[in-house]
């Protein structure tokens, strides 16, 4: 991974991070030093570990030792935490600089409770997020509908013995491969999505979203009709669902003379927003 991709700016300072087990891990020392301005961040962190353990946060289970590039340019092991655990650590830091993050976390928690009581609020907030990013209204409606269809499918898979993240990825790949002729990884590379946190579906065109919905909706109905159970049976249903979407794609491409498999992405939306 390139050096610039392994760094993130946090309150004007660079924080080291590394991609591990399919998520970002951040240097705890860097965060502590930034939020406390301590001249002895390692001593502060050692004392904070004791406090966290007393509060029920199992430091030994939640913190990992990963190698990151030190000031001397060498890779050295340092304490790291995921985004979720990093936010929990910040909650226990007694510093005015940490207060904005604590307030933000409280607001997020409040909004989550609201969404549980009224699920429509969650959809409205997602819509606002995409509007702020500059996505077209018609695209947003398709994206939101796709999220609902995807949720129905994953719920069905869960009820049929699909539990591990790898299994969900295998089944999703079956649909994508059958629909577009590419696995998710191949399609991401085709669209030039290099960062692991770039959501693949956020870079689909209108037709790609529609075909994905057809494939996933067909897979859901086929799975229910066949009463598929377990990975292998669900895999066959996924392939058949994707085949229905592929047949739709082939017919449209034949009539229009244009490929619906596009290398277009929406990264330019962020760039245009920054130039305003």
Protein backbone atom coordinates (compact mmCIF):
# COMPACT_ATOMS: atom_id res chain seq x y z
CA UNK A 1 0.00 0.00 0.00
CA UNK A 2 1.29 3.44 -0.93
CA UNK A 3 2.46 5.60 1.97
CA UNK A 4 -0.13 8.34 1.34
CA UNK A 5 -2.91 5.77 1.55
CA UNK A 6 -1.62 4.57 4.89
CA UNK A 7 -1.91 8.01 6.47
CA UNK A 8 -4.94 10.06 7.42
CA UNK A 9 -5.12 13.66 8.61
CA UNK A 10 -6.74 13.98 12.04
CA UNK A 11 -7.04 17.48 13.54
CA UNK A 12 -4.23 18.68 11.32
CA UNK A 13 -1.87 15.84 12.19
CA UNK A 14 -1.00 12.69 10.33
CA UNK A 15 -2.23 9.45 11.87
CA UNK A 16 -0.77 6.14 10.79
CA UNK A 17 -3.17 3.41 9.74
CA UNK A 18 -3.00 0.02 8.03
CA UNK A 19 -5.52 -2.25 6.29
CA UNK A 20 -5.83 -5.54 8.20
CA UNK A 21 -8.58 -8.17 8.29
CA UNK A 22 -10.72 -6.14 5.86
CA UNK A 23 -10.78 -2.93 7.92
CA UNK A 24 -8.63 0.04 8.88
CA UNK A 25 -6.53 -0.13 12.04
CA UNK A 26 -5.21 3.13 13.50
CA UNK A 27 -2.15 3.85 15.63
CA UNK A 28 -3.39 4.38 19.20
CA UNK A 29 -0.27 6.33 20.16
CA UNK A 30 -0.81 8.78 17.29
CA UNK A 31 -4.44 9.40 18.31
CA UNK A 32 -3.54 9.80 21.99
CA UNK A 33 -0.75 12.23 21.20
CA UNK A 34 -3.03 14.30 18.96
CA UNK A 35 -5.92 14.53 21.44
CA UNK A 36 -3.88 15.10 24.59
CA UNK A 37 -0.81 17.02 23.42
CA UNK A 38 1.02 14.85 25.95
CA UNK A 39 4.82 14.96 25.86
CA UNK A 40 4.71 11.32 26.99
CA UNK A 41 1.94 9.74 24.90
CA UNK A 42 3.15 6.20 25.59
CA UNK A 43 2.97 6.76 29.35
CA UNK A 44 -0.50 8.30 28.92
CA UNK A 45 -1.60 5.27 26.88
CA UNK A 46 -0.25 2.81 29.46
CA UNK A 47 -2.22 4.57 32.21
CA UNK A 48 -5.30 4.68 29.98
CA UNK A 49 -5.12 0.92 29.45
CA UNK A 50 -5.62 0.39 33.18
CA UNK A 51 -8.61 2.74 33.18
CA UNK A 52 -10.16 1.00 30.15
CA UNK A 53 -9.78 -2.42 31.74
CA UNK A 54 -11.49 -1.14 34.89
CA UNK A 55 -14.33 0.14 32.71
CA UNK A 56 -14.82 -3.32 31.18
CA UNK A 57 -13.00 -2.69 27.90
CA UNK A 58 -10.77 -5.74 27.40
CA UNK A 59 -7.64 -4.07 26.02
CA UNK A 60 -5.83 -7.36 25.38
CA UNK A 61 -8.71 -8.52 23.14
CA UNK A 62 -9.48 -5.24 21.37
CA UNK A 63 -5.95 -3.92 20.68
CA UNK A 64 -3.63 -5.48 18.12
CA UNK A 65 0.12 -5.15 17.58
CA UNK A 66 0.67 -4.30 13.91
CA UNK A 67 3.75 -3.07 12.09
CA UNK A 68 3.72 0.58 10.98
CA UNK A 69 6.40 2.85 9.62
CA UNK A 70 8.15 4.78 12.41
CA UNK A 71 9.90 8.15 12.16
CA UNK A 72 13.17 6.45 11.30
CA UNK A 73 11.51 4.84 8.27
CA UNK A 74 11.55 1.32 9.71
CA UNK A 75 8.51 -0.89 10.26
CA UNK A 76 7.90 -1.37 13.97
CA UNK A 77 5.08 -3.05 15.91
CA UNK A 78 2.71 -0.64 17.65
CA UNK A 79 -0.67 -0.80 19.38
CA UNK A 80 -3.51 -0.40 16.90
CA UNK A 81 -7.31 -0.33 17.07
CA UNK A 82 -10.19 -0.53 14.61
CA UNK A 83 -12.37 2.51 13.99
CA UNK A 84 -15.02 1.23 16.39
CA UNK A 85 -12.58 0.50 19.19
CA UNK A 86 -10.72 3.75 18.55
CA UNK A 87 -13.91 5.70 19.20
CA UNK A 88 -14.39 3.77 22.45
CA UNK A 89 -10.85 4.70 23.52
CA UNK A 90 -11.50 8.37 22.71
CA UNK A 91 -14.50 8.31 25.05
CA UNK A 92 -12.14 7.60 27.95
CA UNK A 93 -9.62 10.32 27.10
CA UNK A 94 -9.93 13.24 29.52
CA UNK A 95 -9.08 16.12 27.21
CA UNK A 96 -11.00 19.12 25.82
CA UNK A 97 -9.85 18.08 22.36
CA UNK A 98 -11.75 14.82 22.70
CA UNK A 99 -15.05 16.52 23.63
CA UNK A 100 -16.21 17.19 20.02
CA UNK A 101 -15.83 13.50 19.23
CA UNK A 102 -17.70 12.48 22.37
CA UNK A 103 -20.54 14.85 21.46
CA UNK A 104 -20.59 13.49 17.92
CA UNK A 105 -20.77 9.91 19.21
CA UNK A 106 -23.66 10.86 21.49
CA UNK A 107 -25.46 12.41 18.52
CA UNK A 108 -24.88 9.31 16.40
CA UNK A 109 -26.22 7.12 19.20
CA UNK A 110 -29.31 9.29 19.55
CA UNK A 111 -29.95 9.16 15.80
CA UNK A 112 -29.56 5.38 15.83
CA UNK A 113 -32.25 5.08 18.53
CA UNK A 114 -34.50 7.31 16.42
CA UNK A 115 -33.94 5.11 13.37
CA UNK A 116 -34.86 1.96 15.31
CA UNK A 117 -38.12 3.60 16.36
CA UNK A 118 -38.75 5.00 12.86
CA UNK A 119 -36.83 3.16 10.08
CA UNK A 120 -37.86 5.75 7.50
CA UNK A 121 -35.48 8.21 9.16
CA UNK A 122 -32.54 5.96 8.28
CA UNK A 123 -33.53 5.99 4.62
CA UNK A 124 -33.95 9.77 4.67
CA UNK A 125 -30.46 10.21 6.14
CA UNK A 126 -28.91 7.92 3.55
CA UNK A 127 -30.65 9.94 0.83
CA UNK A 128 -29.26 13.17 2.28
CA UNK A 129 -25.78 11.63 2.36
CA UNK A 130 -25.88 10.85 -1.35
CA UNK A 131 -27.34 14.26 -2.17
CA UNK A 132 -24.47 15.94 -0.32
CA UNK A 133 -22.03 13.81 -2.31
CA UNK A 134 -23.58 15.13 -5.54
CA UNK A 135 -25.32 12.01 -6.84
CA UNK A 136 -28.29 12.53 -9.23
CA UNK A 137 -31.76 12.12 -7.72
CA UNK A 138 -32.82 9.29 -10.03
CA UNK A 139 -29.64 7.38 -9.23
CA UNK A 140 -30.26 7.82 -5.49
CA UNK A 141 -33.75 6.32 -5.76
CA UNK A 142 -32.34 3.24 -7.49
CA UNK A 143 -29.55 2.94 -4.94
CA UNK A 144 -31.98 3.07 -2.03
CA UNK A 145 -34.25 0.49 -3.65
CA UNK A 146 -31.20 -1.69 -4.23
CA UNK A 147 -30.28 -1.47 -0.54
CA UNK A 148 -33.75 -2.73 0.43
CA UNK A 149 -33.60 -5.64 -2.05
CA UNK A 150 -30.11 -6.55 -0.86
CA UNK A 151 -31.29 -6.55 2.76
CA UNK A 152 -34.16 -8.91 1.90
CA UNK A 153 -31.70 -11.27 0.23
CA UNK A 154 -29.15 -11.31 3.05
CA UNK A 155 -31.94 -11.85 5.60
CA UNK A 156 -33.10 -14.84 3.56
CA UNK A 157 -29.56 -16.22 3.42
CA UNK A 158 -29.18 -15.82 7.19
CA UNK A 159 -32.35 -17.84 7.71
CA UNK A 160 -30.88 -20.60 5.57
CA UNK A 161 -27.62 -21.17 7.41
CA UNK A 162 -25.39 -18.51 5.83
CA UNK A 163 -23.47 -16.90 8.69
CA UNK A 164 -19.85 -16.15 7.83
CA UNK A 165 -18.80 -13.03 5.94
CA UNK A 166 -16.87 -15.19 3.48
CA UNK A 167 -20.04 -17.10 2.60
CA UNK A 168 -21.93 -13.89 1.87
CA UNK A 169 -19.03 -12.80 -0.35
CA UNK A 170 -19.05 -16.13 -2.24
CA UNK A 171 -22.79 -15.88 -2.93
CA UNK A 172 -22.55 -12.24 -3.98
CA UNK A 173 -19.73 -13.15 -6.35
CA UNK A 174 -21.92 -15.81 -7.96
CA UNK A 175 -24.61 -13.25 -8.76
CA UNK A 176 -22.15 -10.62 -9.97
CA UNK A 177 -20.16 -13.08 -12.09
CA UNK A 178 -23.31 -14.46 -13.72
CA UNK A 179 -24.77 -10.99 -14.31
CA UNK A 180 -21.73 -9.08 -15.57
CA UNK A 181 -19.13 -11.71 -16.33
CA UNK A 182 -16.84 -10.39 -13.58
CA UNK A 183 -16.33 -11.11 -9.90
CA UNK A 184 -16.68 -8.20 -7.48
CA UNK A 185 -12.88 -7.93 -7.25
CA UNK A 186 -12.51 -7.92 -11.04
CA UNK A 187 -15.28 -5.35 -11.41
CA UNK A 188 -13.70 -3.08 -8.78
CA UNK A 189 -10.42 -3.21 -10.67
CA UNK A 190 -12.27 -2.53 -13.94
CA UNK A 191 -13.75 0.63 -12.38
CA UNK A 192 -10.35 1.61 -10.96
CA UNK A 193 -11.51 1.51 -7.33
CA UNK A 194 -8.23 1.23 -5.45
CA UNK A 195 -9.21 2.09 -1.87
CA UNK A 196 -10.79 -0.82 0.06
CA UNK A 197 -13.34 1.50 1.70
CA UNK A 198 -14.79 2.64 -1.64
CA UNK A 199 -18.23 1.04 -1.83
CA UNK A 200 -18.49 -0.82 -5.14
CA UNK A 201 -22.22 -0.17 -5.56
CA UNK A 202 -21.77 3.55 -5.03
CA UNK A 203 -19.90 3.51 -8.34
CA UNK A 204 -22.45 1.63 -10.42
CA UNK A 205 -24.30 3.25 -13.30
CA UNK A 206 -28.12 3.28 -13.46
CA UNK A 207 -28.20 0.11 -15.55
CA UNK A 208 -25.71 -1.67 -13.33
CA UNK A 209 -27.84 -0.89 -10.29
CA UNK A 210 -30.98 -2.12 -12.08
CA UNK A 211 -29.35 -5.35 -13.24
CA UNK A 212 -27.95 -5.94 -9.75
CA UNK A 213 -31.44 -5.52 -8.32
CA UNK A 214 -32.85 -7.98 -10.88
CA UNK A 215 -30.17 -10.54 -10.03
CA UNK A 216 -30.62 -10.22 -6.27
CA UNK A 217 -34.42 -10.14 -6.36
CA UNK A 218 -34.47 -13.18 -8.65
CA UNK A 219 -32.04 -14.95 -6.32
CA UNK A 220 -34.27 -14.25 -3.32
CA UNK A 221 -37.37 -15.63 -5.05
CA UNK A 222 -35.54 -18.69 -6.42
CA UNK A 223 -34.02 -19.40 -3.00
CA UNK A 224 -37.45 -19.28 -1.36
CA UNK A 225 -39.14 -21.33 -4.10
CA UNK A 226 -36.48 -24.06 -3.93
CA UNK A 227 -36.19 -23.82 -0.16
CA UNK A 228 -32.41 -23.71 -0.59
CA UNK A 229 -30.41 -24.52 2.54
CA UNK A 230 -26.70 -24.08 3.20
CA UNK A 231 -23.94 -22.63 1.08
CA UNK A 232 -24.00 -25.01 -1.89
CA UNK A 233 -27.75 -24.91 -2.48
CA UNK A 234 -27.85 -21.14 -2.02
CA UNK A 235 -24.89 -20.86 -4.38
CA UNK A 236 -26.81 -22.63 -7.15
CA UNK A 237 -29.78 -20.31 -6.60
CA UNK A 238 -27.48 -17.28 -6.69
CA UNK A 239 -25.97 -18.38 -10.00
CA UNK A 240 -29.43 -18.88 -11.49
CA UNK A 241 -30.60 -15.50 -10.21
CA UNK A 242 -27.58 -13.83 -11.77
CA UNK A 243 -28.23 -15.69 -15.04
CA UNK A 244 -31.68 -14.10 -15.25
CA UNK A 245 -30.07 -10.67 -14.91
CA UNK A 246 -27.42 -11.59 -17.51
CA UNK A 247 -30.11 -12.63 -20.01
CA UNK A 248 -31.79 -9.26 -19.45
CA UNK A 249 -28.46 -7.50 -19.97
CA UNK A 250 -27.73 -9.43 -23.17
CA UNK A 251 -31.12 -8.60 -24.67
CA UNK A 252 -30.78 -4.88 -23.89
CA UNK A 253 -27.24 -4.78 -25.26
CA UNK A 254 -28.40 -6.52 -28.44
CA UNK A 255 -31.20 -3.99 -28.97
CA UNK A 256 -29.14 -0.89 -28.10
CA UNK A 257 -25.77 -1.95 -29.45
CA UNK A 258 -24.10 -0.72 -26.25
CA UNK A 259 -22.42 -2.58 -23.40
CA UNK A 260 -24.00 -2.15 -19.98
CA UNK A 261 -20.78 -3.21 -18.28
CA UNK A 262 -19.20 0.17 -17.60
CA UNK A 263 -15.84 1.30 -16.23
CA UNK A 264 -17.51 4.56 -15.12
CA UNK A 265 -17.17 5.49 -11.46
CA UNK A 266 -18.36 8.39 -9.32
CA UNK A 267 -15.01 9.43 -7.88
CA UNK A 268 -15.26 12.65 -9.87
CA UNK A 269 -18.17 13.76 -7.66
CA UNK A 270 -15.81 14.18 -4.67
CA UNK A 271 -13.30 16.01 -6.85
CA UNK A 272 -15.88 18.43 -8.21
CA UNK A 273 -17.16 19.15 -4.71
CA UNK A 274 -13.64 19.99 -3.47
CA UNK A 275 -13.13 22.39 -6.40
CA UNK A 276 -16.24 24.42 -5.57
